[in-house]
């Protein structure tokens, strides 16, 4: 049986990239432990409440008491007000992690000639890099369209 460590607070953010062309946006939603800066979970999909709820479901075993995010509406609609703070002051670590990923993975750069041609390959490549950087290994991941 897997033992989950309690996480007091998590930072949440979403980051866009594209597949094929900038009209086909692909969003990666990420959650990190505010104390350790470790990645807790991530999902790929659209910038919709449904995809955020998938991320939130992955976070349930951690028993997170407080979430910190920007002011994107999905967070406000899906996290209880007493367990959520909004503001850049509380999301500096996750914004830094996103910047690091953008510099290490060309497919995430806003202006690039390196881009994915399929959603599946995009999610696999980005997911593998996150897993290797954060965990030093890869594991089976479910991808969301």
N, C-alpha and C. Protein backbone atom coordinates (compact mmCIF):
# COMPACT_ATOMS: atom_id res chain seq x y z
N UNK A 1 0.83 -1.19 0.00
CA UNK A 1 0.00 0.00 0.00
C UNK A 1 0.88 1.25 0.00
N UNK A 2 0.52 2.23 -0.81
CA UNK A 2 1.27 3.48 -0.91
C UNK A 2 0.89 4.39 0.25
N UNK A 3 1.90 4.97 0.91
CA UNK A 3 1.68 5.94 1.97
C UNK A 3 1.85 7.34 1.41
N UNK A 4 0.85 8.18 1.58
CA UNK A 4 0.92 9.56 1.10
C UNK A 4 1.29 10.46 2.26
N UNK A 5 2.22 11.35 2.05
CA UNK A 5 2.57 12.33 3.07
C UNK A 5 1.57 13.47 3.02
N UNK A 6 1.22 13.98 4.19
CA UNK A 6 0.32 15.13 4.28
C UNK A 6 1.01 16.36 3.71
N UNK A 7 0.32 17.11 2.90
CA UNK A 7 0.83 18.35 2.33
C UNK A 7 -0.03 19.48 2.86
N UNK A 8 0.59 20.43 3.56
CA UNK A 8 -0.15 21.55 4.14
C UNK A 8 -0.72 22.48 3.07
N UNK A 9 0.15 22.85 2.11
CA UNK A 9 -0.26 23.83 1.11
C UNK A 9 0.36 23.48 -0.24
N UNK A 10 -0.38 23.81 -1.29
CA UNK A 10 0.08 23.55 -2.66
C UNK A 10 -0.09 24.81 -3.50
N UNK A 11 0.83 24.98 -4.44
CA UNK A 11 0.70 26.05 -5.43
C UNK A 11 0.19 25.41 -6.72
N UNK A 12 -0.72 26.10 -7.39
CA UNK A 12 -1.34 25.61 -8.62
C UNK A 12 -1.11 26.60 -9.75
N UNK A 13 -0.91 26.06 -10.94
CA UNK A 13 -0.81 26.94 -12.10
C UNK A 13 -1.06 26.12 -13.36
N UNK A 14 -1.38 26.83 -14.43
CA UNK A 14 -1.57 26.21 -15.73
C UNK A 14 -0.64 26.91 -16.70
N UNK A 15 -0.16 26.18 -17.70
CA UNK A 15 0.76 26.74 -18.68
C UNK A 15 0.36 26.24 -20.07
N UNK A 16 0.33 27.14 -21.02
CA UNK A 16 -0.08 26.75 -22.36
C UNK A 16 1.11 26.47 -23.26
N UNK A 17 0.85 25.63 -24.20
CA UNK A 17 1.74 25.39 -25.32
C UNK A 17 0.82 25.08 -26.49
N UNK A 18 1.37 24.62 -27.57
CA UNK A 18 0.49 24.33 -28.71
C UNK A 18 0.96 23.10 -29.45
N UNK A 19 0.03 22.53 -30.21
CA UNK A 19 0.31 21.35 -31.02
C UNK A 19 -0.02 21.72 -32.46
N UNK A 20 0.97 21.66 -33.34
CA UNK A 20 0.75 21.97 -34.75
C UNK A 20 0.81 23.46 -35.03
N UNK A 21 -0.08 24.23 -34.42
CA UNK A 21 -0.08 25.68 -34.59
C UNK A 21 -0.67 26.32 -33.33
N UNK A 22 -0.50 27.61 -33.20
CA UNK A 22 -0.91 28.29 -31.97
C UNK A 22 -2.42 28.30 -31.76
N UNK A 23 -3.17 27.94 -32.79
CA UNK A 23 -4.62 27.83 -32.65
C UNK A 23 -5.05 26.57 -31.91
N UNK A 24 -4.15 25.60 -31.84
CA UNK A 24 -4.43 24.33 -31.16
C UNK A 24 -3.69 24.33 -29.83
N UNK A 25 -4.24 25.04 -28.86
CA UNK A 25 -3.59 25.18 -27.57
C UNK A 25 -3.70 23.91 -26.74
N UNK A 26 -2.66 23.65 -25.98
CA UNK A 26 -2.59 22.50 -25.08
C UNK A 26 -2.14 23.04 -23.72
N UNK A 27 -2.90 22.74 -22.68
CA UNK A 27 -2.62 23.26 -21.35
C UNK A 27 -2.10 22.16 -20.45
N UNK A 28 -1.07 22.50 -19.67
CA UNK A 28 -0.56 21.60 -18.66
C UNK A 28 -0.85 22.25 -17.31
N UNK A 29 -1.62 21.55 -16.49
CA UNK A 29 -1.97 22.02 -15.15
C UNK A 29 -1.03 21.34 -14.16
N UNK A 30 -0.46 22.12 -13.25
CA UNK A 30 0.57 21.62 -12.35
C UNK A 30 0.26 21.99 -10.91
N UNK A 31 0.61 21.10 -9.98
CA UNK A 31 0.50 21.38 -8.55
C UNK A 31 1.83 21.00 -7.90
N UNK A 32 2.36 21.91 -7.06
CA UNK A 32 3.59 21.61 -6.33
C UNK A 32 3.36 21.81 -4.83
N UNK A 33 4.13 21.09 -4.04
CA UNK A 33 4.12 21.26 -2.59
C UNK A 33 4.78 22.61 -2.29
N UNK A 34 4.07 23.48 -1.60
CA UNK A 34 4.58 24.83 -1.31
C UNK A 34 5.84 24.79 -0.46
N UNK A 35 5.95 23.82 0.43
CA UNK A 35 7.10 23.72 1.34
C UNK A 35 8.33 23.12 0.65
N UNK A 36 8.17 22.00 -0.02
CA UNK A 36 9.31 21.29 -0.60
C UNK A 36 9.56 21.65 -2.07
N UNK A 37 8.58 22.27 -2.72
CA UNK A 37 8.64 22.62 -4.15
C UNK A 37 8.57 21.39 -5.06
N UNK A 38 8.24 20.24 -4.49
CA UNK A 38 8.15 19.00 -5.27
C UNK A 38 6.85 18.98 -6.07
N UNK A 39 6.91 18.42 -7.27
CA UNK A 39 5.70 18.26 -8.08
C UNK A 39 4.82 17.20 -7.45
N UNK A 40 3.57 17.52 -7.25
CA UNK A 40 2.60 16.58 -6.69
C UNK A 40 1.83 15.87 -7.79
N UNK A 41 1.41 16.62 -8.80
CA UNK A 41 0.62 16.05 -9.90
C UNK A 41 0.53 17.05 -11.04
N UNK A 42 0.20 16.52 -12.22
CA UNK A 42 -0.05 17.37 -13.37
C UNK A 42 -0.98 16.64 -14.32
N UNK A 43 -1.71 17.40 -15.11
CA UNK A 43 -2.58 16.84 -16.15
C UNK A 43 -2.48 17.72 -17.39
N UNK A 44 -2.82 17.14 -18.52
CA UNK A 44 -2.85 17.87 -19.79
C UNK A 44 -4.29 17.95 -20.27
N UNK A 45 -4.61 19.02 -20.95
CA UNK A 45 -5.95 19.15 -21.52
C UNK A 45 -6.22 20.58 -21.92
N UNK A 46 -7.47 20.94 -21.88
CA UNK A 46 -7.88 22.30 -22.23
C UNK A 46 -7.87 23.15 -20.97
N UNK A 47 -8.08 24.43 -21.14
CA UNK A 47 -8.14 25.34 -19.98
C UNK A 47 -9.59 25.43 -19.52
N UNK A 48 -10.06 24.32 -18.99
CA UNK A 48 -11.47 24.18 -18.59
C UNK A 48 -11.55 23.64 -17.17
N UNK A 49 -12.68 23.91 -16.51
CA UNK A 49 -12.91 23.42 -15.16
C UNK A 49 -12.78 21.91 -15.06
N UNK A 50 -13.26 21.20 -16.06
CA UNK A 50 -13.22 19.74 -16.06
C UNK A 50 -11.79 19.22 -15.88
N UNK A 51 -10.85 19.81 -16.58
CA UNK A 51 -9.45 19.37 -16.51
C UNK A 51 -8.87 19.73 -15.14
N UNK A 52 -9.22 20.91 -14.62
CA UNK A 52 -8.74 21.26 -13.28
C UNK A 52 -9.28 20.27 -12.24
N UNK A 53 -10.53 19.88 -12.39
CA UNK A 53 -11.10 18.91 -11.43
C UNK A 53 -10.36 17.57 -11.49
N UNK A 54 -9.85 17.19 -12.66
CA UNK A 54 -9.04 15.97 -12.78
C UNK A 54 -7.75 16.11 -11.96
N UNK A 55 -7.13 17.30 -12.04
CA UNK A 55 -5.93 17.55 -11.24
C UNK A 55 -6.26 17.52 -9.76
N UNK A 56 -7.34 18.16 -9.40
CA UNK A 56 -7.75 18.22 -7.98
C UNK A 56 -8.01 16.81 -7.43
N UNK A 57 -8.57 15.96 -8.25
CA UNK A 57 -8.82 14.57 -7.83
C UNK A 57 -7.49 13.83 -7.56
N UNK A 58 -6.49 14.09 -8.39
CA UNK A 58 -5.17 13.48 -8.17
C UNK A 58 -4.53 13.97 -6.87
N UNK A 59 -4.91 15.16 -6.43
CA UNK A 59 -4.33 15.75 -5.22
C UNK A 59 -5.02 15.31 -3.93
N UNK A 60 -6.19 14.70 -4.03
CA UNK A 60 -6.95 14.32 -2.84
C UNK A 60 -6.18 13.48 -1.83
N UNK A 61 -5.37 12.48 -2.25
CA UNK A 61 -4.65 11.67 -1.26
C UNK A 61 -3.67 12.46 -0.39
N UNK A 62 -3.27 13.64 -0.83
CA UNK A 62 -2.31 14.44 -0.06
C UNK A 62 -2.96 15.22 1.08
N UNK A 63 -4.29 15.31 1.10
CA UNK A 63 -4.99 16.03 2.17
C UNK A 63 -4.61 17.49 2.26
N UNK A 64 -4.47 18.14 1.14
CA UNK A 64 -4.02 19.54 1.10
C UNK A 64 -5.07 20.45 1.74
N UNK A 65 -4.59 21.30 2.65
CA UNK A 65 -5.50 22.20 3.37
C UNK A 65 -5.64 23.57 2.73
N UNK A 66 -4.56 24.03 2.05
CA UNK A 66 -4.59 25.37 1.46
C UNK A 66 -4.00 25.33 0.05
N UNK A 67 -4.69 25.98 -0.87
CA UNK A 67 -4.24 26.08 -2.26
C UNK A 67 -3.93 27.54 -2.57
N UNK A 68 -2.83 27.76 -3.29
CA UNK A 68 -2.42 29.10 -3.71
C UNK A 68 -2.37 29.10 -5.23
N UNK A 69 -3.00 30.12 -5.84
CA UNK A 69 -3.04 30.17 -7.29
C UNK A 69 -3.16 31.60 -7.78
N UNK A 70 -3.17 31.74 -9.12
CA UNK A 70 -3.49 33.04 -9.70
C UNK A 70 -5.01 33.17 -9.70
N UNK A 71 -5.51 34.17 -10.39
CA UNK A 71 -6.95 34.44 -10.32
C UNK A 71 -7.77 33.80 -11.44
N UNK A 72 -7.24 32.74 -12.06
CA UNK A 72 -8.01 32.05 -13.09
C UNK A 72 -9.27 31.47 -12.47
N UNK A 73 -10.40 31.65 -13.11
CA UNK A 73 -11.72 31.30 -12.57
C UNK A 73 -11.91 29.85 -12.17
N UNK A 74 -11.26 28.92 -12.83
CA UNK A 74 -11.42 27.50 -12.49
C UNK A 74 -11.06 27.23 -11.04
N UNK A 75 -10.03 27.90 -10.54
CA UNK A 75 -9.62 27.69 -9.16
C UNK A 75 -10.70 28.20 -8.20
N UNK A 76 -11.20 29.39 -8.47
CA UNK A 76 -12.21 29.98 -7.61
C UNK A 76 -13.50 29.18 -7.60
N UNK A 77 -13.86 28.62 -8.74
CA UNK A 77 -15.11 27.86 -8.84
C UNK A 77 -15.01 26.47 -8.22
N UNK A 78 -13.81 25.93 -8.08
CA UNK A 78 -13.66 24.53 -7.67
C UNK A 78 -12.91 24.31 -6.36
N UNK A 79 -12.50 25.38 -5.69
CA UNK A 79 -11.85 25.27 -4.39
C UNK A 79 -12.66 26.09 -3.40
N UNK A 80 -12.90 25.53 -2.23
CA UNK A 80 -13.66 26.24 -1.21
C UNK A 80 -12.92 27.52 -0.81
N UNK A 81 -13.64 28.63 -0.64
CA UNK A 81 -13.01 29.93 -0.35
C UNK A 81 -12.05 29.92 0.84
N UNK A 82 -12.35 29.22 1.90
CA UNK A 82 -11.47 29.20 3.07
C UNK A 82 -10.19 28.42 2.88
N UNK A 83 -10.08 27.72 1.75
CA UNK A 83 -8.91 26.90 1.48
C UNK A 83 -8.13 27.38 0.26
N UNK A 84 -8.33 28.66 -0.11
CA UNK A 84 -7.76 29.16 -1.35
C UNK A 84 -7.31 30.60 -1.19
N UNK A 85 -6.07 30.91 -1.58
CA UNK A 85 -5.61 32.29 -1.64
C UNK A 85 -5.17 32.58 -3.07
N UNK A 86 -5.38 33.81 -3.49
CA UNK A 86 -5.08 34.23 -4.85
C UNK A 86 -4.00 35.31 -4.79
N UNK A 87 -3.02 35.19 -5.67
CA UNK A 87 -2.02 36.26 -5.77
C UNK A 87 -0.66 35.76 -6.19
N UNK A 88 0.05 36.61 -6.92
CA UNK A 88 1.40 36.28 -7.39
C UNK A 88 2.37 36.08 -6.23
N UNK A 89 2.12 36.73 -5.12
CA UNK A 89 2.97 36.60 -3.94
C UNK A 89 3.05 35.15 -3.45
N UNK A 90 1.99 34.40 -3.69
CA UNK A 90 1.89 33.02 -3.20
C UNK A 90 2.21 31.98 -4.27
N UNK A 91 2.56 32.42 -5.49
CA UNK A 91 2.80 31.45 -6.57
C UNK A 91 4.18 31.61 -7.21
N UNK A 92 5.10 32.20 -6.50
CA UNK A 92 6.42 32.45 -7.08
C UNK A 92 7.18 31.16 -7.39
N UNK A 93 7.06 30.16 -6.54
CA UNK A 93 7.79 28.90 -6.76
C UNK A 93 7.28 28.16 -8.00
N UNK A 94 5.97 28.11 -8.17
CA UNK A 94 5.44 27.39 -9.33
C UNK A 94 5.70 28.16 -10.62
N UNK A 95 5.68 29.49 -10.55
CA UNK A 95 6.01 30.29 -11.73
C UNK A 95 7.47 30.06 -12.12
N UNK A 96 8.35 29.93 -11.14
CA UNK A 96 9.76 29.64 -11.41
C UNK A 96 9.91 28.26 -12.05
N UNK A 97 9.15 27.29 -11.54
CA UNK A 97 9.21 25.93 -12.09
C UNK A 97 8.73 25.95 -13.55
N UNK A 98 7.68 26.70 -13.84
CA UNK A 98 7.20 26.82 -15.22
C UNK A 98 8.26 27.44 -16.13
N UNK A 99 8.95 28.46 -15.64
CA UNK A 99 10.01 29.09 -16.42
C UNK A 99 11.13 28.10 -16.70
N UNK A 100 11.50 27.32 -15.70
CA UNK A 100 12.54 26.30 -15.88
C UNK A 100 12.13 25.29 -16.95
N UNK A 101 10.87 24.86 -16.89
CA UNK A 101 10.39 23.90 -17.90
C UNK A 101 10.40 24.52 -19.29
N UNK A 102 10.01 25.79 -19.41
CA UNK A 102 10.02 26.45 -20.72
C UNK A 102 11.44 26.54 -21.28
N UNK A 103 12.43 26.75 -20.43
CA UNK A 103 13.80 26.86 -20.93
C UNK A 103 14.39 25.49 -21.26
N UNK A 104 13.91 24.43 -20.64
CA UNK A 104 14.46 23.10 -20.88
C UNK A 104 13.72 22.33 -21.98
N UNK A 105 12.48 22.70 -22.24
CA UNK A 105 11.68 21.99 -23.25
C UNK A 105 11.27 22.99 -24.33
N UNK A 106 11.91 22.91 -25.49
CA UNK A 106 11.62 23.86 -26.56
C UNK A 106 10.15 23.86 -26.96
N UNK A 107 9.50 22.73 -26.85
CA UNK A 107 8.09 22.64 -27.25
C UNK A 107 7.19 23.55 -26.42
N UNK A 108 7.67 24.00 -25.27
CA UNK A 108 6.87 24.87 -24.41
C UNK A 108 7.15 26.35 -24.63
N UNK A 109 8.14 26.67 -25.46
CA UNK A 109 8.47 28.07 -25.71
C UNK A 109 7.37 28.73 -26.55
N UNK A 110 7.15 30.00 -26.31
CA UNK A 110 6.09 30.71 -27.04
C UNK A 110 6.48 30.99 -28.49
N UNK A 111 7.74 31.29 -28.71
CA UNK A 111 8.22 31.55 -30.07
C UNK A 111 9.28 30.52 -30.39
N UNK A 112 8.92 29.53 -31.16
CA UNK A 112 9.84 28.44 -31.45
C UNK A 112 9.52 27.81 -32.80
N UNK A 113 10.50 27.16 -33.36
CA UNK A 113 10.25 26.37 -34.57
C UNK A 113 10.13 24.89 -34.20
N UNK A 114 10.29 24.60 -32.91
CA UNK A 114 10.19 23.22 -32.42
C UNK A 114 8.82 23.05 -31.76
N UNK A 115 7.96 22.26 -32.37
CA UNK A 115 6.64 22.06 -31.80
C UNK A 115 6.18 20.64 -32.06
N UNK A 116 5.21 20.22 -31.29
CA UNK A 116 4.66 18.87 -31.46
C UNK A 116 3.65 18.86 -32.60
N UNK A 117 3.58 17.73 -33.29
CA UNK A 117 2.61 17.58 -34.37
C UNK A 117 1.39 16.80 -33.94
N UNK A 118 1.48 16.11 -32.80
CA UNK A 118 0.31 15.38 -32.30
C UNK A 118 0.18 15.58 -30.80
N UNK A 119 -1.05 15.58 -30.33
CA UNK A 119 -1.34 15.76 -28.91
C UNK A 119 -0.70 14.65 -28.08
N UNK A 120 -0.78 13.43 -28.56
CA UNK A 120 -0.22 12.29 -27.82
C UNK A 120 1.28 12.47 -27.64
N UNK A 121 2.00 12.79 -28.71
CA UNK A 121 3.45 12.96 -28.60
C UNK A 121 3.81 14.16 -27.72
N UNK A 122 3.05 15.22 -27.82
CA UNK A 122 3.28 16.40 -26.97
C UNK A 122 3.20 16.01 -25.50
N UNK A 123 2.11 15.35 -25.12
CA UNK A 123 1.91 14.98 -23.72
C UNK A 123 2.97 13.98 -23.24
N UNK A 124 3.33 13.05 -24.10
CA UNK A 124 4.34 12.05 -23.72
C UNK A 124 5.70 12.73 -23.50
N UNK A 125 6.13 13.57 -24.43
CA UNK A 125 7.44 14.21 -24.31
C UNK A 125 7.50 15.13 -23.10
N UNK A 126 6.52 15.99 -22.95
CA UNK A 126 6.52 16.91 -21.81
C UNK A 126 6.40 16.13 -20.50
N UNK A 127 5.53 15.14 -20.46
CA UNK A 127 5.38 14.31 -19.26
C UNK A 127 6.67 13.57 -18.89
N UNK A 128 7.34 13.01 -19.88
CA UNK A 128 8.60 12.31 -19.62
C UNK A 128 9.66 13.26 -19.05
N UNK A 129 9.77 14.45 -19.62
CA UNK A 129 10.76 15.40 -19.12
C UNK A 129 10.44 15.80 -17.69
N UNK A 130 9.18 16.08 -17.39
CA UNK A 130 8.80 16.42 -16.01
C UNK A 130 9.14 15.26 -15.07
N UNK A 131 8.79 14.05 -15.47
CA UNK A 131 9.07 12.89 -14.62
C UNK A 131 10.56 12.70 -14.38
N UNK A 132 11.36 12.86 -15.43
CA UNK A 132 12.81 12.69 -15.28
C UNK A 132 13.40 13.79 -14.41
N UNK A 133 13.01 15.05 -14.64
CA UNK A 133 13.54 16.16 -13.86
C UNK A 133 13.11 16.10 -12.40
N UNK A 134 11.87 15.72 -12.17
CA UNK A 134 11.32 15.75 -10.81
C UNK A 134 11.53 14.47 -10.03
N UNK A 135 11.44 13.33 -10.70
CA UNK A 135 11.45 12.05 -10.00
C UNK A 135 12.64 11.18 -10.39
N UNK A 136 13.33 11.53 -11.46
CA UNK A 136 14.47 10.76 -11.91
C UNK A 136 14.08 9.48 -12.64
N UNK A 137 12.82 9.29 -12.93
CA UNK A 137 12.33 8.10 -13.61
C UNK A 137 11.00 8.40 -14.26
N UNK A 138 10.46 7.44 -14.98
CA UNK A 138 9.20 7.61 -15.70
C UNK A 138 8.18 6.61 -15.17
N UNK A 139 6.94 6.95 -15.24
CA UNK A 139 5.88 6.04 -14.86
C UNK A 139 4.70 6.20 -15.80
N UNK A 140 3.83 5.21 -15.80
CA UNK A 140 2.66 5.24 -16.68
C UNK A 140 1.78 6.42 -16.31
N UNK A 141 1.30 7.13 -17.30
CA UNK A 141 0.50 8.33 -17.09
C UNK A 141 -0.75 8.26 -17.97
N UNK A 142 -1.85 8.71 -17.44
CA UNK A 142 -3.07 8.78 -18.22
C UNK A 142 -3.17 10.18 -18.80
N UNK A 143 -3.40 10.27 -20.09
CA UNK A 143 -3.47 11.56 -20.76
C UNK A 143 -4.91 11.89 -21.08
N UNK A 144 -5.21 13.18 -21.04
CA UNK A 144 -6.58 13.66 -21.21
C UNK A 144 -6.66 14.53 -22.46
N UNK A 145 -7.69 14.32 -23.26
CA UNK A 145 -7.86 15.06 -24.50
C UNK A 145 -8.55 16.35 -24.36
